[in-house]
Each structure stands twice: as C-alpha cells, then as structure tokens.
C-alpha cells in the first residue's frame, strides 16, 4: 500500500514571478485575482462544502481598507495581488476588525465568505489554492513586519510593491524575503516511533519532534541537538526524506528519519509538553481512525507524511 498523503503548500511552480512592466495598467485589468488577509486570516468561501480562496475583483468595498498590497505573480494569464486589510487606529479601538469586514461581506451578499485561519483550513483547500494561499501569507506577513531599513533606519517609502524584495530608497540596500529552516524528525526504535506535543498544540494532538536549525549547524547536527534537548535521546543514521514550505510564519520544514537505541525519555517541559513511544500497529489504527487515544498530525503536513510512510513500510 503506497502512501496517499499529499503535502500542501508545495505547488508554487505554476506561479510565475514575472513583474509587470506597466503596474498601473495591470492593476486595473479585470482578470486580476485579489487575495485578502486581515489579522493573519485569509478570505475564503465555501461552495458545495468545499473551501476555496475568495478571489475578489479590485472593484469592491474592502479595497478602501487596504494598508499593504503585494504583487504575488501570474497564474496562467492572471495576475495575483495580495492585500492586507486594517482599520485606522481610531476605528480599531471601536470595532473588532474581523467582525467589521465580515459585516461588509454580508452587505455585499457574499454570505459564503469569511476570514479563515489557514493553519486549520488548508487541508480543505485544493493543492493549488493551498499553495497560493501559503505563498501569499508568507509574503504579506514578511512585508508587514519589515517596514524599516536595518542599515540606515529609514522607513520604507512604498508599501505597494511590484517586487517580492524591498529596496531602501535612501541607501539602496535590498532585502529579500527570508525563510527559516526547521528539521522535523521521525525517530524509530525497532517497531516503535516517538511522538510528542508542544504546549500550543490543540488538545490530544501529537506529532514528530521538530526544531529550528541554528547558526553553524548541518541538518544532522540540528536534529541531534534538538532531540537530545527535548527528550534526552541520542539519534543516528539520519536520512533526508522530504521537505515542505510552511507559512506559519515562513519556514522550510525538512523531514528526516533517524534511529535510536535509547528508550528512556528525559522530557524538557520548557521545550515540549509530552512525548511517548507508540507501536507501528497502534499508530496505524489511529491514522486510520480506528482508535482515538490521541490525534495525529493533520493530513497534508510533513509530520503526517512521515508517520504514514513509516507505518506503510515505505521508509
């Protein structure tokens, strides 16, 4: 039996990052697609119980509240723009932003539209929509958090951007969107694997252990350090399995497998909340929905992919 899991956020090769020659003209084209975020939530719609990005035209009331626009690229012949919505400071104190914009959607009779948490809803999107949404979230988040030049301290002048990168108009320093490499490891000891949960995970959810790669580390060094810090295990025979962009906020998840001869866990509760060993047979029951003693990593995530590859003897 082959693993059927697909990794979401990975189909961005069809988004062509070709910058428009005439930005005023291209922004007015009716075939453009516009994506909206507010407080990190993406505007979606539900049609026949399927969740989709709600691409709106530029001629809609939400455009009056845009405080940041980024040109994402072209999908086929259509240009993609990403917008962040925000009330001014005075109105932020008076209104809940999400409720305010949802009311506008209702007034426009867009009753199936709402702002959604992409971390929760991505598995309900198509692979294409999840990839566009993930890329859009990473880019709009990076642009919104980088408003000043770290070289000269000047505030960037323009927030309507035709390029992903930002160029300081004062000192000409160019900044490119950054990603953070993160290792995520399936640890194997004979017929068992180790799963754990962070303090911020939903109730009962368990996943593979993960951590950021630090300066001067190889992927193997980062894996050995993180696993030793979190659960006190020594790992070896570390192998690359796959990787996945992860837009929360902007990481590259690097999936590894590793073996260990250790069994005793020394859990650092500052790092993780809990961890335990689970057999291949028990894990398979949970993944197939035939047991509910814990919740496995969500479908479409690299952790779920690693777990399913292991239980299906494909690793």
C-alpha atoms as a PDB file:
ATOM      1  CA  UNK A   1       0.000   0.000   0.000  1.00  0.00           C
ATOM      2  CA  UNK A   2       1.527   3.318  -1.083  1.00  0.00           C
ATOM      3  CA  UNK A   3       1.205   6.462   0.955  1.00  0.00           C
ATOM      4  CA  UNK A   4      -1.612   8.627  -0.434  1.00  0.00           C
ATOM      5  CA  UNK A   5      -0.786  11.738   1.595  1.00  0.00           C
ATOM      6  CA  UNK A   6      -0.001  14.855  -0.371  1.00  0.00           C
ATOM      7  CA  UNK A   7       1.994  17.703   1.048  1.00  0.00           C
ATOM      8  CA  UNK A   8       0.167  21.017   0.875  1.00  0.00           C
ATOM      9  CA  UNK A   9       1.730  24.416   0.021  1.00  0.00           C
ATOM     10  CA  UNK A  10       4.076  22.730  -2.481  1.00  0.00           C
ATOM     11  CA  UNK A  11       2.584  23.574  -5.889  1.00  0.00           C
ATOM     12  CA  UNK A  12       4.027  27.066  -6.352  1.00  0.00           C
ATOM     13  CA  UNK A  13       5.999  26.251  -9.513  1.00  0.00           C
ATOM     14  CA  UNK A  14       2.964  27.317 -11.552  1.00  0.00           C
ATOM     15  CA  UNK A  15       3.072  30.816 -10.073  1.00  0.00           C
ATOM     16  CA  UNK A  16       5.309  32.819 -12.370  1.00  0.00           C
ATOM     17  CA  UNK A  17       7.101  35.664 -10.617  1.00  0.00           C
ATOM     18  CA  UNK A  18       7.203  37.935 -13.639  1.00  0.00           C
ATOM     19  CA  UNK A  19       6.977  41.565 -12.642  1.00  0.00           C
ATOM     20  CA  UNK A  20       4.562  43.757 -14.608  1.00  0.00           C
ATOM     21  CA  UNK A  21       6.078  46.302 -16.983  1.00  0.00           C
ATOM     22  CA  UNK A  22       3.189  48.707 -16.547  1.00  0.00           C
ATOM     23  CA  UNK A  23       1.945  48.383 -12.974  1.00  0.00           C
ATOM     24  CA  UNK A  24      -0.820  50.991 -13.313  1.00  0.00           C
ATOM     25  CA  UNK A  25      -2.329  49.213 -16.294  1.00  0.00           C
ATOM     26  CA  UNK A  26      -2.007  45.686 -14.972  1.00  0.00           C
ATOM     27  CA  UNK A  27      -3.589  46.529 -11.609  1.00  0.00           C
ATOM     28  CA  UNK A  28      -6.727  47.689 -13.430  1.00  0.00           C
ATOM     29  CA  UNK A  29      -7.170  44.572 -15.540  1.00  0.00           C
ATOM     30  CA  UNK A  30     -10.455  42.816 -14.755  1.00  0.00           C
ATOM     31  CA  UNK A  31      -8.884  39.365 -14.983  1.00  0.00           C
ATOM     32  CA  UNK A  32      -6.670  40.067 -11.963  1.00  0.00           C
ATOM     33  CA  UNK A  33      -7.186  37.959  -8.845  1.00  0.00           C
ATOM     34  CA  UNK A  34      -7.130  39.675  -5.448  1.00  0.00           C
ATOM     35  CA  UNK A  35      -6.478  37.842  -2.162  1.00  0.00           C
ATOM     36  CA  UNK A  36      -7.333  39.459   1.168  1.00  0.00           C
ATOM     37  CA  UNK A  37      -5.920  38.972   4.662  1.00  0.00           C
ATOM     38  CA  UNK A  38      -6.925  40.513   7.959  1.00  0.00           C
ATOM     39  CA  UNK A  39      -5.106  39.830  11.230  1.00  0.00           C
ATOM     40  CA  UNK A  40      -3.401  36.869   9.563  1.00  0.00           C
ATOM     41  CA  UNK A  41      -6.684  35.302   8.413  1.00  0.00           C
ATOM     42  CA  UNK A  42      -7.385  34.723   4.723  1.00  0.00           C
ATOM     43  CA  UNK A  43     -10.673  35.475   2.969  1.00  0.00           C
ATOM     44  CA  UNK A  44     -12.260  32.193   1.841  1.00  0.00           C
ATOM     45  CA  UNK A  45     -15.603  30.993   0.550  1.00  0.00           C
ATOM     46  CA  UNK A  46     -17.440  27.696   0.824  1.00  0.00           C
ATOM     47  CA  UNK A  47     -19.130  26.237  -2.249  1.00  0.00           C
ATOM     48  CA  UNK A  48     -20.747  22.801  -2.086  1.00  0.00           C
ATOM     49  CA  UNK A  49     -18.915  22.180   1.208  1.00  0.00           C
ATOM     50  CA  UNK A  50     -15.565  22.886  -0.453  1.00  0.00           C
ATOM     51  CA  UNK A  51     -13.346  25.690   0.821  1.00  0.00           C
ATOM     52  CA  UNK A  52     -11.719  27.979  -1.729  1.00  0.00           C
ATOM     53  CA  UNK A  53      -9.799  31.223  -1.733  1.00  0.00           C
ATOM     54  CA  UNK A  54     -12.277  34.017  -2.329  1.00  0.00           C
ATOM     55  CA  UNK A  55     -10.660  35.951  -5.158  1.00  0.00           C
ATOM     56  CA  UNK A  56     -12.414  39.297  -5.448  1.00  0.00           C
ATOM     57  CA  UNK A  57     -12.187  41.945  -8.137  1.00  0.00           C
ATOM     58  CA  UNK A  58     -10.499  45.229  -7.394  1.00  0.00           C
ATOM     59  CA  UNK A  59     -13.868  46.965  -7.512  1.00  0.00           C
ATOM     60  CA  UNK A  60     -15.117  46.003  -4.048  1.00  0.00           C
ATOM     61  CA  UNK A  61     -15.600  47.893  -0.748  1.00  0.00           C
ATOM     62  CA  UNK A  62     -12.737  46.085   1.011  1.00  0.00           C
ATOM     63  CA  UNK A  63     -10.180  47.913  -1.146  1.00  0.00           C
ATOM     64  CA  UNK A  64     -10.885  51.083   0.836  1.00  0.00           C
ATOM     65  CA  UNK A  65      -9.279  49.479   3.899  1.00  0.00           C
ATOM     66  CA  UNK A  66      -6.111  48.083   2.299  1.00  0.00           C
ATOM     67  CA  UNK A  67      -2.906  49.190   4.037  1.00  0.00           C
ATOM     68  CA  UNK A  68      -0.484  46.921   2.151  1.00  0.00           C
ATOM     69  CA  UNK A  69      -0.502  45.401  -1.343  1.00  0.00           C
ATOM     70  CA  UNK A  70       1.960  42.876  -2.749  1.00  0.00           C
ATOM     71  CA  UNK A  71       2.182  41.570  -6.300  1.00  0.00           C
ATOM     72  CA  UNK A  72       2.419  37.778  -5.980  1.00  0.00           C
ATOM     73  CA  UNK A  73       2.918  36.748  -9.612  1.00  0.00           C
ATOM     74  CA  UNK A  74       0.978  35.280 -12.511  1.00  0.00           C
ATOM     75  CA  UNK A  75      -1.087  32.100 -12.549  1.00  0.00           C
ATOM     76  CA  UNK A  76      -1.695  31.256 -16.210  1.00  0.00           C
ATOM     77  CA  UNK A  77      -2.724  34.632 -17.662  1.00  0.00           C
ATOM     78  CA  UNK A  78      -3.986  36.137 -14.416  1.00  0.00           C
ATOM     79  CA  UNK A  79      -2.046  38.444 -12.117  1.00  0.00           C
ATOM     80  CA  UNK A  80      -2.292  37.720  -8.392  1.00  0.00           C
ATOM     81  CA  UNK A  81      -2.328  40.503  -5.810  1.00  0.00           C
ATOM     82  CA  UNK A  82      -2.319  40.103  -2.039  1.00  0.00           C
ATOM     83  CA  UNK A  83      -3.827  42.761   0.226  1.00  0.00           C
ATOM     84  CA  UNK A  84      -3.842  43.306   3.964  1.00  0.00           C
ATOM     85  CA  UNK A  85      -6.919  44.934   5.488  1.00  0.00           C
ATOM     86  CA  UNK A  86      -6.774  47.155   8.529  1.00  0.00           C
ATOM     87  CA  UNK A  87      -8.912  49.816  10.167  1.00  0.00           C
ATOM     88  CA  UNK A  88      -7.273  53.074  11.168  1.00  0.00           C
ATOM     89  CA  UNK A  89      -6.132  53.399  14.764  1.00  0.00           C
ATOM     90  CA  UNK A  90      -9.261  55.288  15.843  1.00  0.00           C
ATOM     91  CA  UNK A  91     -11.639  52.651  14.486  1.00  0.00           C
ATOM     92  CA  UNK A  92      -9.506  49.748  15.726  1.00  0.00           C
ATOM     93  CA  UNK A  93     -10.381  50.815  19.248  1.00  0.00           C
ATOM     94  CA  UNK A  94     -14.107  50.905  18.399  1.00  0.00           C
ATOM     95  CA  UNK A  95     -14.584  47.769  16.281  1.00  0.00           C
ATOM     96  CA  UNK A  96     -13.497  44.155  16.083  1.00  0.00           C
ATOM     97  CA  UNK A  97     -11.755  44.133  12.693  1.00  0.00           C
ATOM     98  CA  UNK A  98     -12.843  40.659  11.611  1.00  0.00           C
ATOM     99  CA  UNK A  99     -16.474  41.332  12.539  1.00  0.00           C
ATOM    100  CA  UNK A 100     -16.326  44.698  10.793  1.00  0.00           C
ATOM    101  CA  UNK A 101     -15.109  43.211   7.491  1.00  0.00           C
ATOM    102  CA  UNK A 102     -17.417  40.194   7.749  1.00  0.00           C
ATOM    103  CA  UNK A 103     -20.324  42.642   8.003  1.00  0.00           C
ATOM    104  CA  UNK A 104     -19.165  44.312   4.791  1.00  0.00           C
ATOM    105  CA  UNK A 105     -19.151  40.896   3.107  1.00  0.00           C
ATOM    106  CA  UNK A 106     -22.740  40.318   4.271  1.00  0.00           C
ATOM    107  CA  UNK A 107     -23.785  43.722   2.962  1.00  0.00           C
ATOM    108  CA  UNK A 108     -22.310  42.727  -0.398  1.00  0.00           C
ATOM    109  CA  UNK A 109     -24.355  39.498  -0.171  1.00  0.00           C
ATOM    110  CA  UNK A 110     -21.201  37.365  -0.061  1.00  0.00           C
ATOM    111  CA  UNK A 111     -22.822  35.087   2.519  1.00  0.00           C
ATOM    112  CA  UNK A 112     -20.489  32.130   1.968  1.00  0.00           C
ATOM    113  CA  UNK A 113     -17.403  34.249   2.597  1.00  0.00           C
ATOM    114  CA  UNK A 114     -15.435  34.522   5.820  1.00  0.00           C
ATOM    115  CA  UNK A 115     -11.912  35.095   7.112  1.00  0.00           C
ATOM    116  CA  UNK A 116     -10.336  31.750   7.971  1.00  0.00           C
ATOM    117  CA  UNK A 117      -7.306  30.503   9.866  1.00  0.00           C
ATOM    118  CA  UNK A 118      -5.174  28.936   7.138  1.00  0.00           C
ATOM    119  CA  UNK A 119      -3.474  26.629   9.643  1.00  0.00           C
ATOM    120  CA  UNK A 120      -6.849  24.974  10.290  1.00  0.00           C
ATOM    121  CA  UNK A 121      -8.487  25.159   6.864  1.00  0.00           C
ATOM    122  CA  UNK A 122      -5.588  24.438   4.478  1.00  0.00           C
ATOM    123  CA  UNK A 123      -6.404  20.714   4.228  1.00  0.00           C
ATOM    124  CA  UNK A 124      -9.830  21.645   2.880  1.00  0.00           C
ATOM    125  CA  UNK A 125      -8.348  23.665   0.034  1.00  0.00           C
ATOM    126  CA  UNK A 126      -7.178  22.279  -3.274  1.00  0.00           C
ATOM    127  CA  UNK A 127      -3.416  21.829  -3.626  1.00  0.00           C
ATOM    128  CA  UNK A 128      -3.326  24.817  -5.989  1.00  0.00           C
ATOM    129  CA  UNK A 129      -5.288  27.077  -3.633  1.00  0.00           C
ATOM    130  CA  UNK A 130      -3.272  25.996  -0.596  1.00  0.00           C
ATOM    131  CA  UNK A 131      -0.039  26.757  -2.437  1.00  0.00           C
ATOM    132  CA  UNK A 132      -1.209  30.216  -3.495  1.00  0.00           C
ATOM    133  CA  UNK A 133      -2.563  30.916  -0.003  1.00  0.00           C
ATOM    134  CA  UNK A 134       0.607  29.737   1.723  1.00  0.00           C
ATOM    135  CA  UNK A 135       2.856  31.812  -0.501  1.00  0.00           C
ATOM    136  CA  UNK A 136       0.581  34.830  -0.117  1.00  0.00           C
ATOM    137  CA  UNK A 137       0.533  34.515   3.680  1.00  0.00           C
ATOM    138  CA  UNK A 138       4.313  34.245   3.930  1.00  0.00           C
ATOM    139  CA  UNK A 139       4.887  37.222   1.670  1.00  0.00           C
ATOM    140  CA  UNK A 140       2.290  39.569   3.164  1.00  0.00           C
ATOM    141  CA  UNK A 141       3.482  38.676   6.664  1.00  0.00           C
ATOM    142  CA  UNK A 142       7.129  39.386   5.790  1.00  0.00           C
ATOM    143  CA  UNK A 143       6.294  42.693   4.123  1.00  0.00           C
ATOM    144  CA  UNK A 144       4.108  43.842   7.034  1.00  0.00           C
ATOM    145  CA  UNK A 145       6.822  43.094   9.594  1.00  0.00           C
ATOM    146  CA  UNK A 146       9.698  44.710   7.689  1.00  0.00           C
ATOM    147  CA  UNK A 147       8.977  48.424   7.499  1.00  0.00           C
ATOM    148  CA  UNK A 148      12.367  49.934   8.307  1.00  0.00           C
ATOM    149  CA  UNK A 149      15.826  49.617   6.785  1.00  0.00           C
ATOM    150  CA  UNK A 150      18.163  47.952   9.268  1.00  0.00           C
ATOM    151  CA  UNK A 151      21.175  49.658   7.667  1.00  0.00           C
ATOM    152  CA  UNK A 152      20.146  53.311   7.768  1.00  0.00           C
ATOM    153  CA  UNK A 153      16.982  53.188   9.886  1.00  0.00           C
ATOM    154  CA  UNK A 154      14.787  54.932   7.329  1.00  0.00           C
ATOM    155  CA  UNK A 155      11.177  53.797   6.957  1.00  0.00           C
ATOM    156  CA  UNK A 156      10.488  52.215   3.587  1.00  0.00           C
ATOM    157  CA  UNK A 157       8.582  54.691   1.446  1.00  0.00           C
ATOM    158  CA  UNK A 158       6.266  52.485  -0.597  1.00  0.00           C
ATOM    159  CA  UNK A 159       4.019  49.660   0.520  1.00  0.00           C
ATOM    160  CA  UNK A 160       2.510  48.960  -2.878  1.00  0.00           C
ATOM    161  CA  UNK A 161       5.089  46.504  -4.144  1.00  0.00           C
ATOM    162  CA  UNK A 162       5.611  45.014  -7.572  1.00  0.00           C
ATOM    163  CA  UNK A 163       8.621  43.017  -6.360  1.00  0.00           C
ATOM    164  CA  UNK A 164       8.905  40.496  -3.559  1.00  0.00           C
ATOM    165  CA  UNK A 165      12.081  42.123  -2.341  1.00  0.00           C
ATOM    166  CA  UNK A 166      12.224  45.544  -0.666  1.00  0.00           C
ATOM    167  CA  UNK A 167      14.716  48.219  -1.697  1.00  0.00           C
ATOM    168  CA  UNK A 168      15.544  51.095   0.599  1.00  0.00           C
ATOM    169  CA  UNK A 169      15.175  54.294  -1.439  1.00  0.00           C
ATOM    170  CA  UNK A 170      17.663  56.064   0.843  1.00  0.00           C
ATOM    171  CA  UNK A 171      20.696  53.729   0.944  1.00  0.00           C
ATOM    172  CA  UNK A 172      19.762  51.261  -1.843  1.00  0.00           C
ATOM    173  CA  UNK A 173      20.087  48.189   0.385  1.00  0.00           C
ATOM    174  CA  UNK A 174      17.897  45.351  -0.920  1.00  0.00           C
ATOM    175  CA  UNK A 175      16.054  42.910   1.371  1.00  0.00           C
ATOM    176  CA  UNK A 176      14.742  39.544   0.196  1.00  0.00           C
ATOM    177  CA  UNK A 177      12.028  37.518   1.956  1.00  0.00           C
ATOM    178  CA  UNK A 178      13.607  35.146   4.428  1.00  0.00           C
ATOM    179  CA  UNK A 179      12.717  31.591   5.338  1.00  0.00           C
ATOM    180  CA  UNK A 180      13.673  29.686   8.470  1.00  0.00           C
ATOM    181  CA  UNK A 181      14.925  26.091   8.070  1.00  0.00           C
ATOM    182  CA  UNK A 182      13.271  23.678  10.509  1.00  0.00           C
ATOM    183  CA  UNK A 183      14.100  19.995  10.927  1.00  0.00           C
ATOM    184  CA  UNK A 184      11.289  17.579  11.771  1.00  0.00           C
ATOM    185  CA  UNK A 185      12.281  14.037  12.677  1.00  0.00           C
ATOM    186  CA  UNK A 186      10.580  10.672  12.846  1.00  0.00           C
ATOM    187  CA  UNK A 187      12.561   8.713  15.457  1.00  0.00           C
ATOM    188  CA  UNK A 188      12.494   4.947  15.182  1.00  0.00           C
ATOM    189  CA  UNK A 189      13.369   2.312  17.757  1.00  0.00           C
ATOM    190  CA  UNK A 190      12.630  -1.135  16.314  1.00  0.00           C
ATOM    191  CA  UNK A 191       8.825  -1.306  15.969  1.00  0.00           C
ATOM    192  CA  UNK A 192       8.088   1.973  17.746  1.00  0.00           C
ATOM    193  CA  UNK A 193       8.313   5.658  16.970  1.00  0.00           C
ATOM    194  CA  UNK A 194       8.341   8.669  19.263  1.00  0.00           C
ATOM    195  CA  UNK A 195       5.640  11.321  19.088  1.00  0.00           C
ATOM    196  CA  UNK A 196       5.298  14.462  21.164  1.00  0.00           C
ATOM    197  CA  UNK A 197       3.283  17.617  21.585  1.00  0.00           C
ATOM    198  CA  UNK A 198       4.172  21.267  22.051  1.00  0.00           C
ATOM    199  CA  UNK A 199       2.406  23.431  24.601  1.00  0.00           C
ATOM    200  CA  UNK A 200       0.488  25.305  21.872  1.00  0.00           C
ATOM    201  CA  UNK A 201      -0.891  22.193  20.102  1.00  0.00           C
ATOM    202  CA  UNK A 202      -4.652  21.519  20.066  1.00  0.00           C
ATOM    203  CA  UNK A 203      -5.838  19.090  22.760  1.00  0.00           C
ATOM    204  CA  UNK A 204      -4.624  15.477  22.239  1.00  0.00           C
ATOM    205  CA  UNK A 205      -2.674  16.307  19.072  1.00  0.00           C
ATOM    206  CA  UNK A 206       0.745  14.617  18.778  1.00  0.00           C
ATOM    207  CA  UNK A 207       3.340  14.962  16.066  1.00  0.00           C
ATOM    208  CA  UNK A 208       7.003  14.344  15.237  1.00  0.00           C
ATOM    209  CA  UNK A 209       9.587  16.397  17.091  1.00  0.00           C
ATOM    210  CA  UNK A 210      10.921  19.490  15.347  1.00  0.00           C
ATOM    211  CA  UNK A 211      13.164  22.494  15.845  1.00  0.00           C
ATOM    212  CA  UNK A 212      14.903  25.376  14.095  1.00  0.00           C
ATOM    213  CA  UNK A 213      18.325  24.975  12.548  1.00  0.00           C
ATOM    214  CA  UNK A 214      20.798  27.263  14.312  1.00  0.00           C
ATOM    215  CA  UNK A 215      23.859  29.098  13.029  1.00  0.00           C
ATOM    216  CA  UNK A 216      26.740  26.818  12.037  1.00  0.00           C
ATOM    217  CA  UNK A 217      24.652  23.626  12.094  1.00  0.00           C
ATOM    218  CA  UNK A 218      24.133  20.978   9.472  1.00  0.00           C
ATOM    219  CA  UNK A 219      20.689  19.409   9.320  1.00  0.00           C
ATOM    220  CA  UNK A 220      22.073  16.338  11.091  1.00  0.00           C
ATOM    221  CA  UNK A 221      23.633  18.432  13.859  1.00  0.00           C
ATOM    222  CA  UNK A 222      20.389  20.338  14.365  1.00  0.00           C
ATOM    223  CA  UNK A 223      18.416  17.086  14.603  1.00  0.00           C
ATOM    224  CA  UNK A 224      20.813  15.547  17.119  1.00  0.00           C
ATOM    225  CA  UNK A 225      20.811  18.696  19.263  1.00  0.00           C
ATOM    226  CA  UNK A 226      17.030  19.200  19.234  1.00  0.00           C
ATOM    227  CA  UNK A 227      16.184  15.584  20.076  1.00  0.00           C
ATOM    228  CA  UNK A 228      18.778  15.497  22.849  1.00  0.00           C
ATOM    229  CA  UNK A 229      17.452  18.760  24.304  1.00  0.00           C
ATOM    230  CA  UNK A 230      13.776  17.850  24.128  1.00  0.00           C
ATOM    231  CA  UNK A 231      13.694  14.173  25.140  1.00  0.00           C
ATOM    232  CA  UNK A 232      17.276  13.180  26.035  1.00  0.00           C
ATOM    233  CA  UNK A 233      17.739  10.663  23.194  1.00  0.00           C
ATOM    234  CA  UNK A 234      20.854  10.065  21.106  1.00  0.00           C
ATOM    235  CA  UNK A 235      19.962   9.510  17.445  1.00  0.00           C
ATOM    236  CA  UNK A 236      21.933   8.168  14.489  1.00  0.00           C
ATOM    237  CA  UNK A 237      21.513   7.035  10.863  1.00  0.00           C
ATOM    238  CA  UNK A 238      19.831  10.333   9.999  1.00  0.00           C
ATOM    239  CA  UNK A 239      18.333  10.441   6.496  1.00  0.00           C
ATOM    240  CA  UNK A 240      16.574  13.073   4.414  1.00  0.00           C
ATOM    241  CA  UNK A 241      13.011  12.084   3.456  1.00  0.00           C
ATOM    242  CA  UNK A 242      11.232  15.161   2.062  1.00  0.00           C
ATOM    243  CA  UNK A 243      10.589  18.856   2.645  1.00  0.00           C
ATOM    244  CA  UNK A 244       7.661  21.282   2.737  1.00  0.00           C
ATOM    245  CA  UNK A 245       7.200  25.065   2.796  1.00  0.00           C
ATOM    246  CA  UNK A 246       5.315  26.051   5.934  1.00  0.00           C
ATOM    247  CA  UNK A 247       3.838  29.570   6.018  1.00  0.00           C
ATOM    248  CA  UNK A 248       3.429  29.920   9.806  1.00  0.00           C
ATOM    249  CA  UNK A 249       5.046  32.336   9.502  1.00  0.00           C
ATOM    250  CA  UNK A 250       7.635  31.329   6.875  1.00  0.00           C
ATOM    251  CA  UNK A 251       9.644  28.141   7.296  1.00  0.00           C
ATOM    252  CA  UNK A 252      11.038  25.313   5.226  1.00  0.00           C
ATOM    253  CA  UNK A 253      10.259  22.051   7.024  1.00  0.00           C
ATOM    254  CA  UNK A 254      12.940  19.444   6.328  1.00  0.00           C
ATOM    255  CA  UNK A 255      11.716  15.920   7.061  1.00  0.00           C
ATOM    256  CA  UNK A 256      14.274  13.466   8.408  1.00  0.00           C
ATOM    257  CA  UNK A 257      14.239   9.921   9.746  1.00  0.00           C
ATOM    258  CA  UNK A 258      16.553   8.776  12.499  1.00  0.00           C
ATOM    259  CA  UNK A 259      17.163   5.721  14.636  1.00  0.00           C
ATOM    260  CA  UNK A 260      17.916   5.414  18.324  1.00  0.00           C
ATOM    261  CA  UNK A 261      18.862   2.656  20.738  1.00  0.00           C
ATOM    262  CA  UNK A 262      17.713   4.704  23.716  1.00  0.00           C
ATOM    263  CA  UNK A 263      14.271   4.299  25.253  1.00  0.00           C
ATOM    264  CA  UNK A 264      14.262   6.324  28.453  1.00  0.00           C
ATOM    265  CA  UNK A 265      12.813   9.776  27.889  1.00  0.00           C
ATOM    266  CA  UNK A 266      14.079  12.835  29.737  1.00  0.00           C
ATOM    267  CA  UNK A 267      11.475  15.402  28.710  1.00  0.00           C
ATOM    268  CA  UNK A 268      12.356  19.072  28.961  1.00  0.00           C
ATOM    269  CA  UNK A 269       8.992  20.628  29.733  1.00  0.00           C
ATOM    270  CA  UNK A 270      10.300  24.035  28.714  1.00  0.00           C
ATOM    271  CA  UNK A 271      10.645  22.633  25.197  1.00  0.00           C
ATOM    272  CA  UNK A 272       7.656  20.280  24.850  1.00  0.00           C
ATOM    273  CA  UNK A 273       4.667  19.248  26.919  1.00  0.00           C
ATOM    274  CA  UNK A 274       4.745  15.473  26.485  1.00  0.00           C
ATOM    275  CA  UNK A 275       6.145  12.586  24.418  1.00  0.00           C
ATOM    276  CA  UNK A 276       5.697   8.834  24.317  1.00  0.00           C
ATOM    277  CA  UNK A 277       6.543   5.747  22.258  1.00  0.00           C
ATOM    278  CA  UNK A 278       3.867   4.226  20.012  1.00  0.00           C
ATOM    279  CA  UNK A 279       3.997   0.954  18.115  1.00  0.00           C
ATOM    280  CA  UNK A 280       3.516   0.721  14.364  1.00  0.00           C
ATOM    281  CA  UNK A 281       0.312  -1.261  14.833  1.00  0.00           C
ATOM    282  CA  UNK A 282      -1.223   1.223  17.294  1.00  0.00           C
ATOM    283  CA  UNK A 283      -0.217   4.199  15.175  1.00  0.00           C
ATOM    284  CA  UNK A 284      -1.795   2.643  12.099  1.00  0.00           C
ATOM    285  CA  UNK A 285      -5.108   2.302  13.982  1.00  0.00           C
ATOM    286  CA  UNK A 286      -5.012   5.975  14.952  1.00  0.00           C
ATOM    287  CA  UNK A 287      -4.106   7.119  11.435  1.00  0.00           C
ATOM    288  CA  UNK A 288      -6.983   5.062  10.002  1.00  0.00           C
ATOM    289  CA  UNK A 289      -9.473   6.492  12.502  1.00  0.00           C
ATOM    290  CA  UNK A 290      -9.930   3.196  14.361  1.00  0.00           C
ATOM    291  CA  UNK A 291      -8.520   4.468  17.671  1.00  0.00           C
ATOM    292  CA  UNK A 292      -8.734   7.867  19.348  1.00  0.00           C
ATOM    293  CA  UNK A 293      -6.339   7.775  22.279  1.00  0.00           C
ATOM    294  CA  UNK A 294      -4.536  10.691  20.610  1.00  0.00           C
ATOM    295  CA  UNK A 295      -4.881  12.863  17.497  1.00  0.00           C
ATOM    296  CA  UNK A 296      -2.128  12.514  14.872  1.00  0.00           C
ATOM    297  CA  UNK A 297      -0.639  15.387  12.872  1.00  0.00           C
ATOM    298  CA  UNK A 298      -3.046  16.855  10.313  1.00  0.00           C
ATOM    299  CA  UNK A 299      -3.268  15.463   6.795  1.00  0.00           C
ATOM    300  CA  UNK A 300      -1.179  17.467   4.372  1.00  0.00           C
ATOM    301  CA  UNK A 301       1.564  18.174   6.910  1.00  0.00           C
ATOM    302  CA  UNK A 302       5.056  16.790   6.657  1.00  0.00           C
ATOM    303  CA  UNK A 303       4.668  15.113  10.068  1.00  0.00           C
ATOM    304  CA  UNK A 304       1.623  13.170   8.865  1.00  0.00           C
ATOM    305  CA  UNK A 305       3.523  12.204   5.714  1.00  0.00           C
ATOM    306  CA  UNK A 306       6.455  10.837   7.740  1.00  0.00           C
ATOM    307  CA  UNK A 307       4.183   8.863  10.061  1.00  0.00           C
ATOM    308  CA  UNK A 308       2.209   7.329   7.194  1.00  0.00           C
ATOM    309  CA  UNK A 309       5.362   6.470   5.263  1.00  0.00           C
ATOM    310  CA  UNK A 310       6.684   4.607   8.310  1.00  0.00           C
ATOM    311  CA  UNK A 311       3.548   2.614   9.130  1.00  0.00           C
ATOM    312  CA  UNK A 312       3.245   1.586   5.469  1.00  0.00           C
ATOM    313  CA  UNK A 313       6.872   0.334   5.447  1.00  0.00           C
ATOM    314  CA  UNK A 314       7.863   2.841   2.777  1.00  0.00           C
ATOM    315  CA  UNK A 315      10.779   4.304   4.720  1.00  0.00           C
END
